[in-house]
PDB file of N, CA and C in Angstrom:
ATOM      1  N   MET A   1     -18.190 -20.520  29.417  1.00  0.00           N
ATOM      2  CA  MET A   1     -17.633 -19.252  28.973  1.00  0.00           C
ATOM      3  C   MET A   1     -18.640 -18.575  28.025  1.00  0.00           C
ATOM      4  N   SER A   2     -18.974 -17.321  28.284  1.00  0.00           N
ATOM      5  CA  SER A   2     -19.907 -16.603  27.419  1.00  0.00           C
ATOM      6  C   SER A   2     -19.171 -16.039  26.209  1.00  0.00           C
ATOM      7  N   LEU A   3     -19.919 -15.707  25.175  1.00  0.00           N
ATOM      8  CA  LEU A   3     -19.301 -15.162  23.971  1.00  0.00           C
ATOM      9  C   LEU A   3     -18.577 -13.853  24.246  1.00  0.00           C
ATOM     10  N   THR A   4     -19.097 -13.055  25.177  1.00  0.00           N
ATOM     11  CA  THR A   4     -18.447 -11.772  25.465  1.00  0.00           C
ATOM     12  C   THR A   4     -17.123 -11.949  26.191  1.00  0.00           C
ATOM     13  N   ASP A   5     -16.843 -13.169  26.665  1.00  0.00           N
ATOM     14  CA  ASP A   5     -15.557 -13.457  27.296  1.00  0.00           C
ATOM     15  C   ASP A   5     -14.499 -13.845  26.268  1.00  0.00           C
ATOM     16  N   THR A   6     -14.900 -13.996  25.001  1.00  0.00           N
ATOM     17  CA  THR A   6     -13.964 -14.370  23.952  1.00  0.00           C
ATOM     18  C   THR A   6     -12.894 -13.297  23.832  1.00  0.00           C
ATOM     19  N   LYS A   7     -11.657 -13.708  23.757  1.00  0.00           N
ATOM     20  CA  LYS A   7     -10.538 -12.771  23.679  1.00  0.00           C
ATOM     21  C   LYS A   7     -10.331 -12.283  22.250  1.00  0.00           C
ATOM     22  N   THR A   8      -9.892 -11.041  22.130  1.00  0.00           N
ATOM     23  CA  THR A   8      -9.512 -10.487  20.841  1.00  0.00           C
ATOM     24  C   THR A   8      -8.056 -10.847  20.581  1.00  0.00           C
ATOM     25  N   PRO A   9      -7.759 -11.500  19.454  1.00  0.00           N
ATOM     26  CA  PRO A   9      -6.357 -11.784  19.153  1.00  0.00           C
ATOM     27  C   PRO A   9      -5.567 -10.480  19.074  1.00  0.00           C
ATOM     28  N   PRO A  10      -4.371 -10.425  19.622  1.00  0.00           N
ATOM     29  CA  PRO A  10      -3.628  -9.163  19.656  1.00  0.00           C
ATOM     30  C   PRO A  10      -3.308  -8.604  18.271  1.00  0.00           C
ATOM     31  N   GLN A  11      -3.264  -9.458  17.262  1.00  0.00           N
ATOM     32  CA  GLN A  11      -2.952  -8.993  15.917  1.00  0.00           C
ATOM     33  C   GLN A  11      -4.188  -8.598  15.127  1.00  0.00           C
ATOM     34  N   CYS A  12      -5.372  -8.622  15.753  1.00  0.00           N
ATOM     35  CA  CYS A  12      -6.609  -8.280  15.061  1.00  0.00           C
ATOM     36  C   CYS A  12      -6.795  -6.769  15.056  1.00  0.00           C
ATOM     37  N   CYS A  13      -6.879  -6.210  13.862  1.00  0.00           N
ATOM     38  CA  CYS A  13      -7.055  -4.766  13.764  1.00  0.00           C
ATOM     39  C   CYS A  13      -7.915  -4.440  12.558  1.00  0.00           C
ATOM     40  N   ALA A  14      -8.479  -3.270  12.572  1.00  0.00           N
ATOM     41  CA  ALA A  14      -9.280  -2.774  11.461  1.00  0.00           C
ATOM     42  C   ALA A  14      -8.661  -1.465  10.993  1.00  0.00           C
ATOM     43  N   ASP A  15      -8.656  -1.264   9.695  1.00  0.00           N
ATOM     44  CA  ASP A  15      -8.087  -0.060   9.123  1.00  0.00           C
ATOM     45  C   ASP A  15      -9.230   0.780   8.572  1.00  0.00           C
ATOM     46  N   PHE A  16      -9.245   2.071   8.858  1.00  0.00           N
ATOM     47  CA  PHE A  16     -10.293   2.909   8.297  1.00  0.00           C
ATOM     48  C   PHE A  16      -9.715   4.224   7.796  1.00  0.00           C
ATOM     49  N   CYS A  17     -10.388   4.762   6.804  1.00  0.00           N
ATOM     50  CA  CYS A  17     -10.006   6.035   6.217  1.00  0.00           C
ATOM     51  C   CYS A  17     -11.279   6.846   6.036  1.00  0.00           C
ATOM     52  N   LEU A  18     -11.427   7.914   6.799  1.00  0.00           N
ATOM     53  CA  LEU A  18     -12.586   8.794   6.660  1.00  0.00           C
ATOM     54  C   LEU A  18     -12.307   9.793   5.541  1.00  0.00           C
ATOM     55  N   ILE A  19     -13.284   9.997   4.695  1.00  0.00           N
ATOM     56  CA  ILE A  19     -13.132  10.921   3.581  1.00  0.00           C
ATOM     57  C   ILE A  19     -14.211  11.990   3.700  1.00  0.00           C
ATOM     58  N   PRO A  20     -13.869  13.168   4.239  1.00  0.00           N
ATOM     59  CA  PRO A  20     -14.857  14.238   4.318  1.00  0.00           C
ATOM     60  C   PRO A  20     -15.249  14.680   2.909  1.00  0.00           C
ATOM     61  N   MET A  21     -16.541  14.775   2.662  1.00  0.00           N
ATOM     62  CA  MET A  21     -17.022  15.164   1.334  1.00  0.00           C
ATOM     63  C   MET A  21     -17.813  16.464   1.443  1.00  0.00           C
ATOM     64  N   GLY A  22     -17.794  17.243   0.399  1.00  0.00           N
ATOM     65  CA  GLY A  22     -18.559  18.479   0.385  1.00  0.00           C
ATOM     66  C   GLY A  22     -17.939  19.576   1.226  1.00  0.00           C
ATOM     67  N   VAL A  23     -16.640  19.509   1.442  1.00  0.00           N
ATOM     68  CA  VAL A  23     -15.962  20.554   2.209  1.00  0.00           C
ATOM     69  C   VAL A  23     -15.294  21.520   1.238  1.00  0.00           C
ATOM     70  N   GLU A  24     -14.983  22.722   1.708  1.00  0.00           N
ATOM     71  CA  GLU A  24     -14.485  23.782   0.832  1.00  0.00           C
ATOM     72  C   GLU A  24     -13.085  23.529   0.292  1.00  0.00           C
ATOM     73  N   SER A  25     -12.253  22.823   1.038  1.00  0.00           N
ATOM     74  CA  SER A  25     -10.858  22.646   0.647  1.00  0.00           C
ATOM     75  C   SER A  25     -10.552  21.174   0.378  1.00  0.00           C
ATOM     76  N   ALA A  26      -9.552  20.936  -0.446  1.00  0.00           N
ATOM     77  CA  ALA A  26      -9.103  19.561  -0.684  1.00  0.00           C
ATOM     78  C   ALA A  26      -8.316  19.039   0.517  1.00  0.00           C
ATOM     79  N   SER A  27      -7.850  19.943   1.368  1.00  0.00           N
ATOM     80  CA  SER A  27      -7.105  19.548   2.552  1.00  0.00           C
ATOM     81  C   SER A  27      -8.055  19.033   3.626  1.00  0.00           C
ATOM     82  N   VAL A  28      -7.810  17.823   4.103  1.00  0.00           N
ATOM     83  CA  VAL A  28      -8.667  17.235   5.137  1.00  0.00           C
ATOM     84  C   VAL A  28      -7.956  17.125   6.484  1.00  0.00           C
ATOM     85  N   SER A  29      -6.739  17.643   6.569  1.00  0.00           N
ATOM     86  CA  SER A  29      -5.950  17.531   7.802  1.00  0.00           C
ATOM     87  C   SER A  29      -6.683  18.005   9.061  1.00  0.00           C
ATOM     88  N   PRO A  30      -7.403  19.135   9.023  1.00  0.00           N
ATOM     89  CA  PRO A  30      -8.096  19.574  10.245  1.00  0.00           C
ATOM     90  C   PRO A  30      -9.155  18.568  10.716  1.00  0.00           C
ATOM     91  N   TYR A  31      -9.827  17.924   9.761  1.00  0.00           N
ATOM     92  CA  TYR A  31     -10.844  16.927  10.109  1.00  0.00           C
ATOM     93  C   TYR A  31     -10.188  15.679  10.693  1.00  0.00           C
ATOM     94  N   ILE A  32      -9.099  15.255  10.075  1.00  0.00           N
ATOM     95  CA  ILE A  32      -8.402  14.057  10.537  1.00  0.00           C
ATOM     96  C   ILE A  32      -7.813  14.301  11.933  1.00  0.00           C
ATOM     97  N   ALA A  33      -7.328  15.514  12.177  1.00  0.00           N
ATOM     98  CA  ALA A  33      -6.794  15.841  13.505  1.00  0.00           C
ATOM     99  C   ALA A  33      -7.870  15.688  14.573  1.00  0.00           C
ATOM    100  N   LYS A  34      -9.103  16.111  14.260  1.00  0.00           N
ATOM    101  CA  LYS A  34     -10.213  15.955  15.210  1.00  0.00           C
ATOM    102  C   LYS A  34     -10.485  14.474  15.485  1.00  0.00           C
ATOM    103  N   VAL A  35     -10.460  13.666  14.435  1.00  0.00           N
ATOM    104  CA  VAL A  35     -10.688  12.221  14.601  1.00  0.00           C
ATOM    105  C   VAL A  35      -9.572  11.611  15.447  1.00  0.00           C
ATOM    106  N   GLN A  36      -8.328  12.035  15.213  1.00  0.00           N
ATOM    107  CA  GLN A  36      -7.217  11.518  16.005  1.00  0.00           C
ATOM    108  C   GLN A  36      -7.380  11.883  17.476  1.00  0.00           C
ATOM    109  N   THR A  37      -7.881  13.090  17.752  1.00  0.00           N
ATOM    110  CA  THR A  37      -8.155  13.493  19.132  1.00  0.00           C
ATOM    111  C   THR A  37      -9.211  12.585  19.749  1.00  0.00           C
ATOM    112  N   LEU A  38     -10.256  12.284  18.981  1.00  0.00           N
ATOM    113  CA  LEU A  38     -11.289  11.362  19.452  1.00  0.00           C
ATOM    114  C   LEU A  38     -10.690   9.996  19.779  1.00  0.00           C
ATOM    115  N   LEU A  39      -9.841   9.491  18.896  1.00  0.00           N
ATOM    116  CA  LEU A  39      -9.203   8.194  19.136  1.00  0.00           C
ATOM    117  C   LEU A  39      -8.324   8.228  20.382  1.00  0.00           C
ATOM    118  N   GLN A  40      -7.572   9.317  20.572  1.00  0.00           N
ATOM    119  CA  GLN A  40      -6.734   9.453  21.767  1.00  0.00           C
ATOM    120  C   GLN A  40      -7.582   9.368  23.027  1.00  0.00           C
ATOM    121  N   GLU A  41      -8.714  10.055  23.015  1.00  0.00           N
ATOM    122  CA  GLU A  41      -9.578  10.091  24.193  1.00  0.00           C
ATOM    123  C   GLU A  41     -10.346   8.784  24.398  1.00  0.00           C
ATOM    124  N   SER A  42     -10.470   7.974  23.340  1.00  0.00           N
ATOM    125  CA  SER A  42     -11.243   6.732  23.429  1.00  0.00           C
ATOM    126  C   SER A  42     -10.535   5.648  24.221  1.00  0.00           C
ATOM    127  N   GLY A  43      -9.219   5.723  24.286  1.00  0.00           N
ATOM    128  CA  GLY A  43      -8.469   4.673  24.961  1.00  0.00           C
ATOM    129  C   GLY A  43      -8.175   3.476  24.065  1.00  0.00           C
ATOM    130  N   LEU A  44      -8.649   3.508  22.811  1.00  0.00           N
ATOM    131  CA  LEU A  44      -8.366   2.419  21.877  1.00  0.00           C
ATOM    132  C   LEU A  44      -6.903   2.422  21.481  1.00  0.00           C
ATOM    133  N   VAL A  45      -6.391   1.253  21.141  1.00  0.00           N
ATOM    134  CA  VAL A  45      -5.062   1.162  20.568  1.00  0.00           C
ATOM    135  C   VAL A  45      -5.207   1.487  19.085  1.00  0.00           C
ATOM    136  N   TYR A  46      -4.434   2.440  18.579  1.00  0.00           N
ATOM    137  CA  TYR A  46      -4.550   2.828  17.172  1.00  0.00           C
ATOM    138  C   TYR A  46      -3.212   3.323  16.662  1.00  0.00           C
ATOM    139  N   HIS A  47      -3.079   3.333  15.342  1.00  0.00           N
ATOM    140  CA  HIS A  47      -1.865   3.832  14.691  1.00  0.00           C
ATOM    141  C   HIS A  47      -2.272   4.589  13.434  1.00  0.00           C
ATOM    142  N   MET A  48      -2.003   5.892  13.405  1.00  0.00           N
ATOM    143  CA  MET A  48      -2.299   6.693  12.227  1.00  0.00           C
ATOM    144  C   MET A  48      -1.208   6.446  11.187  1.00  0.00           C
ATOM    145  N   HIS A  49      -1.601   6.393   9.908  1.00  0.00           N
ATOM    146  CA  HIS A  49      -0.634   6.310   8.822  1.00  0.00           C
ATOM    147  C   HIS A  49      -1.104   7.207   7.695  1.00  0.00           C
ATOM    148  N   ALA A  50      -0.371   7.275   6.616  1.00  0.00           N
ATOM    149  CA  ALA A  50      -0.641   8.236   5.550  1.00  0.00           C
ATOM    150  C   ALA A  50      -2.003   8.059   4.895  1.00  0.00           C
ATOM    151  N   ASN A  51      -2.528   6.843   4.874  1.00  0.00           N
ATOM    152  CA  ASN A  51      -3.772   6.588   4.167  1.00  0.00           C
ATOM    153  C   ASN A  51      -4.914   6.153   5.060  1.00  0.00           C
ATOM    154  N   GLY A  52      -4.798   6.375   6.342  1.00  0.00           N
ATOM    155  CA  GLY A  52      -5.876   5.989   7.243  1.00  0.00           C
ATOM    156  C   GLY A  52      -5.372   5.771   8.654  1.00  0.00           C
ATOM    157  N   THR A  53      -6.151   5.019   9.426  1.00  0.00           N
ATOM    158  CA  THR A  53      -5.816   4.708  10.806  1.00  0.00           C
ATOM    159  C   THR A  53      -6.162   3.254  11.079  1.00  0.00           C
ATOM    160  N   THR A  54      -5.264   2.569  11.749  1.00  0.00           N
ATOM    161  CA  THR A  54      -5.500   1.189  12.135  1.00  0.00           C
ATOM    162  C   THR A  54      -5.917   1.181  13.593  1.00  0.00           C
ATOM    163  N   VAL A  55      -7.023   0.507  13.892  1.00  0.00           N
ATOM    164  CA  VAL A  55      -7.580   0.469  15.239  1.00  0.00           C
ATOM    165  C   VAL A  55      -7.816  -0.981  15.646  1.00  0.00           C
ATOM    166  N   VAL A  56      -7.490  -1.298  16.877  1.00  0.00           N
ATOM    167  CA  VAL A  56      -7.836  -2.610  17.401  1.00  0.00           C
ATOM    168  C   VAL A  56      -9.267  -2.527  17.916  1.00  0.00           C
ATOM    169  N   PHE A  57     -10.164  -3.318  17.361  1.00  0.00           N
ATOM    170  CA  PHE A  57     -11.576  -3.310  17.693  1.00  0.00           C
ATOM    171  C   PHE A  57     -11.893  -4.454  18.621  1.00  0.00           C
ATOM    172  N   LYS A  58     -12.478  -4.198  19.751  1.00  0.00           N
ATOM    173  CA  LYS A  58     -12.775  -5.252  20.709  1.00  0.00           C
ATOM    174  C   LYS A  58     -13.822  -6.236  20.182  1.00  0.00           C
ATOM    175  N   VAL A  59     -14.972  -5.759  19.756  1.00  0.00           N
ATOM    176  CA  VAL A  59     -16.041  -6.677  19.358  1.00  0.00           C
ATOM    177  C   VAL A  59     -15.698  -7.406  18.063  1.00  0.00           C
ATOM    178  N   ILE A  60     -15.165  -6.693  17.093  1.00  0.00           N
ATOM    179  CA  ILE A  60     -14.759  -7.364  15.858  1.00  0.00           C
ATOM    180  C   ILE A  60     -13.669  -8.374  16.185  1.00  0.00           C
ATOM    181  N   GLY A  61     -12.775  -7.983  17.047  1.00  0.00           N
ATOM    182  CA  GLY A  61     -11.710  -8.906  17.472  1.00  0.00           C
ATOM    183  C   GLY A  61     -12.270 -10.128  18.172  1.00  0.00           C
ATOM    184  N   GLN A  62     -13.302  -9.923  18.983  1.00  0.00           N
ATOM    185  CA  GLN A  62     -13.929 -11.067  19.646  1.00  0.00           C
ATOM    186  C   GLN A  62     -14.569 -11.997  18.633  1.00  0.00           C
ATOM    187  N   ALA A  63     -15.175 -11.436  17.588  1.00  0.00           N
ATOM    188  CA  ALA A  63     -15.763 -12.265  16.536  1.00  0.00           C
ATOM    189  C   ALA A  63     -14.674 -13.088  15.851  1.00  0.00           C
ATOM    190  N   HIS A  64     -13.557 -12.457  15.590  1.00  0.00           N
ATOM    191  CA  HIS A  64     -12.431 -13.181  15.007  1.00  0.00           C
ATOM    192  C   HIS A  64     -11.943 -14.268  15.964  1.00  0.00           C
ATOM    193  N   GLY A  65     -11.795 -13.895  17.227  1.00  0.00           N
ATOM    194  CA  GLY A  65     -11.333 -14.856  18.234  1.00  0.00           C
ATOM    195  C   GLY A  65     -12.253 -16.053  18.335  1.00  0.00           C
ATOM    196  N   MET A  66     -13.571 -15.814  18.259  1.00  0.00           N
ATOM    197  CA  MET A  66     -14.550 -16.890  18.327  1.00  0.00           C
ATOM    198  C   MET A  66     -14.337 -17.874  17.173  1.00  0.00           C
ATOM    199  N   LEU A  67     -14.108 -17.339  15.966  1.00  0.00           N
ATOM    200  CA  LEU A  67     -13.867 -18.219  14.824  1.00  0.00           C
ATOM    201  C   LEU A  67     -12.535 -18.940  14.946  1.00  0.00           C
ATOM    202  N   HIS A  68     -11.506 -18.238  15.437  1.00  0.00           N
ATOM    203  CA  HIS A  68     -10.213 -18.886  15.647  1.00  0.00           C
ATOM    204  C   HIS A  68     -10.346 -20.024  16.660  1.00  0.00           C
ATOM    205  N   ASP A  69     -11.148 -19.793  17.695  1.00  0.00           N
ATOM    206  CA  ASP A  69     -11.383 -20.843  18.704  1.00  0.00           C
ATOM    207  C   ASP A  69     -12.058 -22.067  18.098  1.00  0.00           C
ATOM    208  N   GLN A  70     -12.756 -21.867  16.964  1.00  0.00           N
ATOM    209  CA  GLN A  70     -13.436 -22.972  16.287  1.00  0.00           C
ATOM    210  C   GLN A  70     -12.550 -23.623  15.223  1.00  0.00           C
ATOM    211  N   GLY A  71     -11.280 -23.215  15.181  1.00  0.00           N
ATOM    212  CA  GLY A  71     -10.342 -23.841  14.262  1.00  0.00           C
ATOM    213  C   GLY A  71     -10.072 -23.075  12.983  1.00  0.00           C
ATOM    214  N   VAL A  72     -10.747 -21.943  12.778  1.00  0.00           N
ATOM    215  CA  VAL A  72     -10.494 -21.145  11.581  1.00  0.00           C
ATOM    216  C   VAL A  72      -9.146 -20.451  11.761  1.00  0.00           C
ATOM    217  N   VAL A  73      -8.224 -20.633  10.812  1.00  0.00           N
ATOM    218  CA  VAL A  73      -6.881 -20.079  10.996  1.00  0.00           C
ATOM    219  C   VAL A  73      -6.726 -18.674  10.429  1.00  0.00           C
ATOM    220  N   ARG A  74      -7.621 -18.282   9.514  1.00  0.00           N
ATOM    221  CA  ARG A  74      -7.513 -16.938   8.939  1.00  0.00           C
ATOM    222  C   ARG A  74      -8.908 -16.352   8.764  1.00  0.00           C
ATOM    223  N   VAL A  75      -9.081 -15.126   9.245  1.00  0.00           N
ATOM    224  CA  VAL A  75     -10.364 -14.434   9.145  1.00  0.00           C
ATOM    225  C   VAL A  75     -10.079 -13.016   8.657  1.00  0.00           C
ATOM    226  N   HIS A  76     -10.884 -12.541   7.735  1.00  0.00           N
ATOM    227  CA  HIS A  76     -10.742 -11.174   7.222  1.00  0.00           C
ATOM    228  C   HIS A  76     -12.112 -10.511   7.262  1.00  0.00           C
ATOM    229  N   THR A  77     -12.186  -9.291   7.748  1.00  0.00           N
ATOM    230  CA  THR A  77     -13.437  -8.550   7.827  1.00  0.00           C
ATOM    231  C   THR A  77     -13.309  -7.253   7.045  1.00  0.00           C
ATOM    232  N   ASP A  78     -14.282  -6.967   6.184  1.00  0.00           N
ATOM    233  CA  ASP A  78     -14.357  -5.676   5.499  1.00  0.00           C
ATOM    234  C   ASP A  78     -15.466  -4.869   6.145  1.00  0.00           C
ATOM    235  N   ILE A  79     -15.214  -3.582   6.337  1.00  0.00           N
ATOM    236  CA  ILE A  79     -16.197  -2.705   6.957  1.00  0.00           C
ATOM    237  C   ILE A  79     -16.377  -1.479   6.070  1.00  0.00           C
ATOM    238  N   ARG A  80     -17.628  -1.126   5.798  1.00  0.00           N
ATOM    239  CA  ARG A  80     -17.929   0.109   5.082  1.00  0.00           C
ATOM    240  C   ARG A  80     -18.989   0.846   5.889  1.00  0.00           C
ATOM    241  N   VAL A  81     -18.736   2.092   6.125  1.00  0.00           N
ATOM    242  CA  VAL A  81     -19.682   2.913   6.865  1.00  0.00           C
ATOM    243  C   VAL A  81     -19.825   4.234   6.132  1.00  0.00           C
ATOM    244  N   GLY A  82     -21.051   4.668   5.920  1.00  0.00           N
ATOM    245  CA  GLY A  82     -21.289   5.956   5.289  1.00  0.00           C
ATOM    246  C   GLY A  82     -22.377   6.694   6.046  1.00  0.00           C
ATOM    247  N   SER A  83     -22.333   7.998   5.985  1.00  0.00           N
ATOM    248  CA  SER A  83     -23.386   8.788   6.629  1.00  0.00           C
ATOM    249  C   SER A  83     -23.527  10.102   5.891  1.00  0.00           C
ATOM    250  N   ARG A  84     -24.711  10.690   5.995  1.00  0.00           N
ATOM    251  CA  ARG A  84     -24.945  12.027   5.454  1.00  0.00           C
ATOM    252  C   ARG A  84     -26.055  12.684   6.258  1.00  0.00           C
ATOM    253  N   THR A  85     -26.021  14.005   6.301  1.00  0.00           N
ATOM    254  CA  THR A  85     -27.012  14.738   7.076  1.00  0.00           C
ATOM    255  C   THR A  85     -27.851  15.682   6.225  1.00  0.00           C
ATOM    256  N   ASP A  86     -27.573  15.755   4.908  1.00  0.00           N
ATOM    257  CA  ASP A  86     -28.292  16.705   4.070  1.00  0.00           C
ATOM    258  C   ASP A  86     -29.647  16.195   3.603  1.00  0.00           C
ATOM    259  N   LYS A  87     -29.902  14.879   3.655  1.00  0.00           N
ATOM    260  CA  LYS A  87     -31.218  14.352   3.312  1.00  0.00           C
ATOM    261  C   LYS A  87     -31.380  12.965   3.914  1.00  0.00           C
ATOM    262  N   HIS A  88     -32.641  12.553   4.050  1.00  0.00           N
ATOM    263  CA  HIS A  88     -32.938  11.233   4.604  1.00  0.00           C
ATOM    264  C   HIS A  88     -32.878  10.206   3.484  1.00  0.00           C
ATOM    265  N   GLU A  89     -32.101   9.170   3.684  1.00  0.00           N
ATOM    266  CA  GLU A  89     -31.988   8.088   2.709  1.00  0.00           C
ATOM    267  C   GLU A  89     -32.102   6.746   3.407  1.00  0.00           C
ATOM    268  N   THR A  90     -32.578   5.785   2.658  1.00  0.00           N
ATOM    269  CA  THR A  90     -32.546   4.403   3.111  1.00  0.00           C
ATOM    270  C   THR A  90     -31.745   3.618   2.089  1.00  0.00           C
ATOM    271  N   ALA A  91     -31.362   2.410   2.436  1.00  0.00           N
ATOM    272  CA  ALA A  91     -30.645   1.567   1.487  1.00  0.00           C
ATOM    273  C   ALA A  91     -31.494   1.366   0.235  1.00  0.00           C
ATOM    274  N   LYS A  92     -32.788   1.178   0.425  1.00  0.00           N
ATOM    275  CA  LYS A  92     -33.705   0.958  -0.693  1.00  0.00           C
ATOM    276  C   LYS A  92     -33.785   2.190  -1.600  1.00  0.00           C
ATOM    277  N   SER A  93     -33.868   3.390  -1.006  1.00  0.00           N
ATOM    278  CA  SER A  93     -33.980   4.602  -1.823  1.00  0.00           C
ATOM    279  C   SER A  93     -32.689   4.879  -2.588  1.00  0.00           C
ATOM    280  N   LYS A  94     -31.554   4.500  -2.033  1.00  0.00           N
ATOM    281  CA  LYS A  94     -30.282   4.690  -2.729  1.00  0.00           C
ATOM    282  C   LYS A  94     -30.216   3.807  -3.970  1.00  0.00           C
ATOM    283  N   VAL A  95     -30.642   2.571  -3.852  1.00  0.00           N
ATOM    284  CA  VAL A  95     -30.660   1.648  -4.990  1.00  0.00           C
ATOM    285  C   VAL A  95     -31.673   2.132  -6.026  1.00  0.00           C
ATOM    286  N   ALA A  96     -32.842   2.569  -5.568  1.00  0.00           N
ATOM    287  CA  ALA A  96     -33.889   3.046  -6.474  1.00  0.00           C
ATOM    288  C   ALA A  96     -33.404   4.239  -7.287  1.00  0.00           C
ATOM    289  N   SER A  97     -32.630   5.112  -6.694  1.00  0.00           N
ATOM    290  CA  SER A  97     -32.103   6.285  -7.393  1.00  0.00           C
ATOM    291  C   SER A  97     -31.224   5.870  -8.569  1.00  0.00           C
ATOM    292  N   VAL A  98     -30.366   4.892  -8.363  1.00  0.00           N
ATOM    293  CA  VAL A  98     -29.491   4.419  -9.440  1.00  0.00           C
ATOM    294  C   VAL A  98     -30.303   3.674 -10.489  1.00  0.00           C
ATOM    295  N   GLU A  99     -31.259   2.847 -10.039  1.00  0.00           N
ATOM    296  CA  GLU A  99     -32.095   2.114 -10.998  1.00  0.00           C
ATOM    297  C   GLU A  99     -32.906   3.057 -11.879  1.00  0.00           C
ATOM    298  N   LYS A 100     -33.355   4.160 -11.319  1.00  0.00           N
ATOM    299  CA  LYS A 100     -34.101   5.143 -12.094  1.00  0.00           C
ATOM    300  C   LYS A 100     -33.234   5.726 -13.206  1.00  0.00           C
ATOM    301  N   ILE A 101     -31.989   6.033 -12.878  1.00  0.00           N
ATOM    302  CA  ILE A 101     -31.056   6.571 -13.867  1.00  0.00           C
ATOM    303  C   ILE A 101     -30.791   5.541 -14.968  1.00  0.00           C
ATOM    304  N   LEU A 102     -30.693   4.289 -14.585  1.00  0.00           N
ATOM    305  CA  LEU A 102     -30.427   3.220 -15.561  1.00  0.00           C
ATOM    306  C   LEU A 102     -31.647   2.845 -16.378  1.00  0.00           C
ATOM    307  N   GLY A 103     -32.804   3.380 -15.998  1.00  0.00           N
ATOM    308  CA  GLY A 103     -34.019   3.091 -16.736  1.00  0.00           C
ATOM    309  C   GLY A 103     -34.747   1.854 -16.250  1.00  0.00           C
ATOM    310  N   GLY A 104     -34.276   1.296 -15.174  1.00  0.00           N
ATOM    311  CA  GLY A 104     -34.927   0.104 -14.633  1.00  0.00           C
ATOM    312  C   GLY A 104     -35.706   0.420 -13.372  1.00  0.00           C
ATOM    313  N   GLY A 105     -36.137   1.668 -13.230  1.00  0.00           N
ATOM    314  CA  GLY A 105     -36.808   2.116 -12.007  1.00  0.00           C
ATOM    315  C   GLY A 105     -37.880   1.179 -11.518  1.00  0.00           C
ATOM    316  N   LYS A 106     -37.659   0.626 -10.370  1.00  0.00           N
ATOM    317  CA  LYS A 106     -38.617  -0.312  -9.771  1.00  0.00           C
ATOM    318  C   LYS A 106     -39.479   0.402  -8.773  1.00  0.00           C
TER     319      LYS A 106
END
């Protein structure tokens, strides 16, 4: 059996909350509606709630399933994703920016 054949446990889900930044209004409903449309068209199983959306992830679920198959009874995954288009940044430059402010500029 290959790793890609590993089943996703049906109770495996990921919760995400997109936070639009730098927009004119505090209301984010129009942006969230667009994301919900994307989710509808994706075919993923998902559930919108007041503070985000829960999505069943195939690959993350397979990773969980693989560990469960090895006897692990509980697995938790945290996911953080960020993006910006106003300037080019790397993980290193982001850390350097904070270190410069703190006076420890490396």
